[in-house]
Amino acid sequence: MGIIKAVLFFGFVSLVLIALLGPPQSGAKIQRVDQDFLAIGNALKTYASHAGQPPATAQGLEALVNEPRTSPKPKTWVQVMKMVPADPWGTPYRYALLGPKEREWRWELRSAGPDRVFGNRDDLASEEECGDYMTLQNGRVESRPSF
């Protein structure tokens, strides 16, 4: 009888911990999202350095894999990813170009999270920016990418 009580007690404690902390693998999945955000962010910066700006929202992350056919056309297009990964729950990442802010471009990457539905509390998001900075060279101001 004592063994049954111990098993039930530890089972109950495990359920409470899972309810509070989430399933054991959720931390690894969130870490994977962070790594994907970093890789996609670096790819967007590389794209912007060749194209002159990040892809438009309508062009999406697909512009990192295939040359965009819609405006704004990149100055120079280079494939910077073989494929865009989906998040650990199988949902494609959502990308939105937030536009220029002074001399910087801003964008948001978003994962729908474990429930695979965008727009609620379990979404994971990252906002990044890249752009130009001004340098003085030979007495004249020149713009250089700061990627």
C-alpha atoms as a PDB file:
ATOM      1  CA  MET A   1       0.000   0.000   0.000  1.00  0.00           C
ATOM      2  CA  GLY A   2       2.893   2.360   0.751  1.00  0.00           C
ATOM      3  CA  ILE A   3       4.371   1.842  -2.722  1.00  0.00           C
ATOM      4  CA  ILE A   4       1.075   2.724  -4.390  1.00  0.00           C
ATOM      5  CA  LYS A   5       0.837   5.945  -2.359  1.00  0.00           C
ATOM      6  CA  ALA A   6       4.427   6.866  -3.295  1.00  0.00           C
ATOM      7  CA  VAL A   7       3.791   6.226  -7.009  1.00  0.00           C
ATOM      8  CA  LEU A   8       0.597   8.288  -6.900  1.00  0.00           C
ATOM      9  CA  PHE A   9       2.363  11.092  -5.034  1.00  0.00           C
ATOM     10  CA  PHE A  10       5.271  11.259  -7.517  1.00  0.00           C
ATOM     11  CA  GLY A  11       2.835  11.020 -10.425  1.00  0.00           C
ATOM     12  CA  PHE A  12       0.870  13.950  -9.039  1.00  0.00           C
ATOM     13  CA  VAL A  13       4.042  16.006  -8.466  1.00  0.00           C
ATOM     14  CA  SER A  14       5.176  15.257 -12.042  1.00  0.00           C
ATOM     15  CA  LEU A  15       1.848  16.416 -13.465  1.00  0.00           C
ATOM     16  CA  VAL A  16       2.007  19.642 -11.451  1.00  0.00           C
ATOM     17  CA  LEU A  17       5.565  20.326 -12.651  1.00  0.00           C
ATOM     18  CA  ILE A  18       4.647  19.666 -16.282  1.00  0.00           C
ATOM     19  CA  ALA A  19       1.626  21.955 -15.935  1.00  0.00           C
ATOM     20  CA  LEU A  20       3.789  24.719 -14.479  1.00  0.00           C
ATOM     21  CA  LEU A  21       6.953  24.315 -16.561  1.00  0.00           C
ATOM     22  CA  GLY A  22       5.617  22.725 -19.718  1.00  0.00           C
ATOM     23  CA  PRO A  23       6.688  19.434 -21.260  1.00  0.00           C
ATOM     24  CA  PRO A  24      10.380  18.565 -20.842  1.00  0.00           C
ATOM     25  CA  GLN A  25      11.198  19.122 -24.523  1.00  0.00           C
ATOM     26  CA  SER A  26       9.636  22.619 -24.686  1.00  0.00           C
ATOM     27  CA  GLY A  27      12.881  24.265 -23.519  1.00  0.00           C
ATOM     28  CA  ALA A  28      14.796  22.607 -26.352  1.00  0.00           C
ATOM     29  CA  LYS A  29      12.157  23.721 -28.845  1.00  0.00           C
ATOM     30  CA  ILE A  30      12.308  27.313 -27.638  1.00  0.00           C
ATOM     31  CA  GLN A  31      16.097  27.191 -27.906  1.00  0.00           C
ATOM     32  CA  ARG A  32      15.697  25.929 -31.484  1.00  0.00           C
ATOM     33  CA  VAL A  33      13.408  28.894 -32.274  1.00  0.00           C
ATOM     34  CA  ASP A  34      16.092  31.256 -30.919  1.00  0.00           C
ATOM     35  CA  GLN A  35      18.700  29.579 -33.143  1.00  0.00           C
ATOM     36  CA  ASP A  36      16.383  29.798 -36.163  1.00  0.00           C
ATOM     37  CA  PHE A  37      15.716  33.493 -35.463  1.00  0.00           C
ATOM     38  CA  LEU A  38      19.479  34.081 -35.361  1.00  0.00           C
ATOM     39  CA  ALA A  39      20.115  32.165 -38.615  1.00  0.00           C
ATOM     40  CA  ILE A  40      17.206  33.816 -40.452  1.00  0.00           C
ATOM     41  CA  GLY A  41      18.214  37.247 -39.102  1.00  0.00           C
ATOM     42  CA  ASN A  42      21.761  36.758 -40.418  1.00  0.00           C
ATOM     43  CA  ALA A  43      20.362  35.635 -43.779  1.00  0.00           C
ATOM     44  CA  LEU A  44      18.143  38.745 -43.911  1.00  0.00           C
ATOM     45  CA  LYS A  45      21.157  40.956 -43.201  1.00  0.00           C
ATOM     46  CA  THR A  46      23.131  39.238 -45.973  1.00  0.00           C
ATOM     47  CA  TYR A  47      20.184  39.635 -48.351  1.00  0.00           C
ATOM     48  CA  ALA A  48      19.883  43.336 -47.444  1.00  0.00           C
ATOM     49  CA  SER A  49      23.594  43.933 -47.987  1.00  0.00           C
ATOM     50  CA  HIS A  50      23.268  42.664 -51.586  1.00  0.00           C
ATOM     51  CA  ALA A  51      19.743  43.856 -52.378  1.00  0.00           C
ATOM     52  CA  GLY A  52      19.923  47.290 -50.763  1.00  0.00           C
ATOM     53  CA  GLN A  53      17.103  46.508 -48.321  1.00  0.00           C
ATOM     54  CA  PRO A  54      15.454  43.488 -46.688  1.00  0.00           C
ATOM     55  CA  PRO A  55      12.677  41.713 -48.592  1.00  0.00           C
ATOM     56  CA  ALA A  56       9.223  43.288 -48.511  1.00  0.00           C
ATOM     57  CA  THR A  57       6.651  41.621 -46.274  1.00  0.00           C
ATOM     58  CA  ALA A  58       4.808  40.333 -49.356  1.00  0.00           C
ATOM     59  CA  GLN A  59       8.043  38.797 -50.693  1.00  0.00           C
ATOM     60  CA  GLY A  60       8.568  37.110 -47.341  1.00  0.00           C
ATOM     61  CA  LEU A  61      11.345  34.785 -46.319  1.00  0.00           C
ATOM     62  CA  GLU A  62      10.980  33.017 -49.664  1.00  0.00           C
ATOM     63  CA  ALA A  63      13.150  35.844 -51.096  1.00  0.00           C
ATOM     64  CA  LEU A  64      16.095  34.303 -49.227  1.00  0.00           C
ATOM     65  CA  VAL A  65      15.672  31.106 -51.251  1.00  0.00           C
ATOM     66  CA  ASN A  66      14.262  32.248 -54.615  1.00  0.00           C
ATOM     67  CA  GLU A  67      14.760  35.529 -56.449  1.00  0.00           C
ATOM     68  CA  PRO A  68      11.731  37.812 -55.952  1.00  0.00           C
ATOM     69  CA  ARG A  69       9.586  38.486 -59.016  1.00  0.00           C
ATOM     70  CA  THR A  70       7.722  41.388 -57.402  1.00  0.00           C
ATOM     71  CA  SER A  71       8.845  44.870 -56.381  1.00  0.00           C
ATOM     72  CA  PRO A  72      11.045  45.954 -54.852  1.00  0.00           C
ATOM     73  CA  LYS A  73      13.473  44.013 -57.004  1.00  0.00           C
ATOM     74  CA  PRO A  74      16.844  43.513 -55.314  1.00  0.00           C
ATOM     75  CA  LYS A  75      19.852  45.395 -56.722  1.00  0.00           C
ATOM     76  CA  THR A  76      21.740  42.122 -56.666  1.00  0.00           C
ATOM     77  CA  TRP A  77      20.130  38.861 -55.629  1.00  0.00           C
ATOM     78  CA  VAL A  78      22.067  36.039 -54.005  1.00  0.00           C
ATOM     79  CA  GLN A  79      20.517  32.877 -52.605  1.00  0.00           C
ATOM     80  CA  VAL A  80      21.346  33.053 -48.897  1.00  0.00           C
ATOM     81  CA  MET A  81      19.418  29.974 -47.683  1.00  0.00           C
ATOM     82  CA  LYS A  82      18.722  26.604 -49.277  1.00  0.00           C
ATOM     83  CA  MET A  83      15.357  26.520 -47.509  1.00  0.00           C
ATOM     84  CA  VAL A  84      13.592  28.453 -44.775  1.00  0.00           C
ATOM     85  CA  PRO A  85      13.048  26.249 -41.739  1.00  0.00           C
ATOM     86  CA  ALA A  86       9.664  25.802 -40.098  1.00  0.00           C
ATOM     87  CA  ASP A  87       9.428  26.219 -36.343  1.00  0.00           C
ATOM     88  CA  PRO A  88       9.809  23.103 -34.144  1.00  0.00           C
ATOM     89  CA  TRP A  89       6.024  22.593 -34.177  1.00  0.00           C
ATOM     90  CA  GLY A  90       5.911  22.518 -37.996  1.00  0.00           C
ATOM     91  CA  THR A  91       4.506  25.997 -38.631  1.00  0.00           C
ATOM     92  CA  PRO A  92       6.279  28.322 -41.099  1.00  0.00           C
ATOM     93  CA  TYR A  93       7.837  31.376 -39.476  1.00  0.00           C
ATOM     94  CA  ARG A  94       6.054  34.651 -40.153  1.00  0.00           C
ATOM     95  CA  TYR A  95       8.100  37.636 -41.365  1.00  0.00           C
ATOM     96  CA  ALA A  96       7.065  41.285 -41.457  1.00  0.00           C
ATOM     97  CA  LEU A  97       9.183  44.189 -42.635  1.00  0.00           C
ATOM     98  CA  LEU A  98       8.389  46.971 -40.190  1.00  0.00           C
ATOM     99  CA  GLY A  99       9.972  49.552 -42.434  1.00  0.00           C
ATOM    100  CA  PRO A 100      12.799  52.001 -42.240  1.00  0.00           C
ATOM    101  CA  LYS A 101      13.463  53.915 -39.060  1.00  0.00           C
ATOM    102  CA  GLU A 102      15.737  56.816 -39.873  1.00  0.00           C
ATOM    103  CA  ARG A 103      18.641  54.949 -41.501  1.00  0.00           C
ATOM    104  CA  GLU A 104      17.801  51.462 -40.260  1.00  0.00           C
ATOM    105  CA  TRP A 105      15.503  48.702 -41.460  1.00  0.00           C
ATOM    106  CA  ARG A 106      13.442  46.790 -38.902  1.00  0.00           C
ATOM    107  CA  TRP A 107      11.697  43.448 -39.180  1.00  0.00           C
ATOM    108  CA  GLU A 108       9.890  40.940 -37.023  1.00  0.00           C
ATOM    109  CA  LEU A 109      10.161  37.156 -37.086  1.00  0.00           C
ATOM    110  CA  ARG A 110       7.392  35.216 -35.356  1.00  0.00           C
ATOM    111  CA  SER A 111       6.684  31.600 -34.419  1.00  0.00           C
ATOM    112  CA  ALA A 112       3.106  30.581 -33.642  1.00  0.00           C
ATOM    113  CA  GLY A 113       4.445  28.514 -30.745  1.00  0.00           C
ATOM    114  CA  PRO A 114       3.229  25.147 -29.472  1.00  0.00           C
ATOM    115  CA  ASP A 115      -0.459  25.735 -30.268  1.00  0.00           C
ATOM    116  CA  ARG A 116       0.407  26.583 -33.926  1.00  0.00           C
ATOM    117  CA  VAL A 117      -1.938  29.614 -33.869  1.00  0.00           C
ATOM    118  CA  PHE A 118      -0.571  33.115 -34.472  1.00  0.00           C
ATOM    119  CA  GLY A 119      -1.668  36.020 -32.321  1.00  0.00           C
ATOM    120  CA  ASN A 120      -1.863  34.666 -28.800  1.00  0.00           C
ATOM    121  CA  ARG A 121       0.265  34.334 -25.649  1.00  0.00           C
ATOM    122  CA  ASP A 122       2.470  31.444 -26.706  1.00  0.00           C
ATOM    123  CA  ASP A 123       3.803  33.162 -29.836  1.00  0.00           C
ATOM    124  CA  LEU A 124       7.562  33.687 -29.899  1.00  0.00           C
ATOM    125  CA  ALA A 125       8.849  36.802 -31.637  1.00  0.00           C
ATOM    126  CA  SER A 126      12.072  38.604 -32.401  1.00  0.00           C
ATOM    127  CA  GLU A 127      12.487  42.125 -33.708  1.00  0.00           C
ATOM    128  CA  GLU A 128      15.764  43.072 -35.374  1.00  0.00           C
ATOM    129  CA  GLU A 129      17.205  45.973 -37.252  1.00  0.00           C
ATOM    130  CA  CYS A 130      20.054  46.610 -39.595  1.00  0.00           C
ATOM    131  CA  GLY A 131      21.013  49.601 -41.651  1.00  0.00           C
ATOM    132  CA  ASP A 132      23.501  52.237 -42.573  1.00  0.00           C
ATOM    133  CA  TYR A 133      25.777  54.373 -40.548  1.00  0.00           C
ATOM    134  CA  MET A 134      27.510  57.521 -41.705  1.00  0.00           C
ATOM    135  CA  THR A 135      31.261  57.788 -42.090  1.00  0.00           C
ATOM    136  CA  LEU A 136      33.415  60.717 -43.039  1.00  0.00           C
ATOM    137  CA  GLN A 137      35.848  59.817 -45.790  1.00  0.00           C
ATOM    138  CA  ASN A 138      38.055  62.270 -47.722  1.00  0.00           C
ATOM    139  CA  GLY A 139      36.043  65.189 -46.383  1.00  0.00           C
ATOM    140  CA  ARG A 140      32.664  63.874 -47.533  1.00  0.00           C
ATOM    141  CA  VAL A 141      29.931  61.980 -45.759  1.00  0.00           C
ATOM    142  CA  GLU A 142      29.406  58.485 -47.094  1.00  0.00           C
ATOM    143  CA  SER A 143      26.863  55.832 -46.205  1.00  0.00           C
ATOM    144  CA  ARG A 144      28.092  52.344 -45.391  1.00  0.00           C
ATOM    145  CA  PRO A 145      26.100  49.250 -44.476  1.00  0.00           C
ATOM    146  CA  SER A 146      26.423  48.196 -40.854  1.00  0.00           C
ATOM    147  CA  PHE A 147      25.430  44.563 -41.302  1.00  0.00           C
END
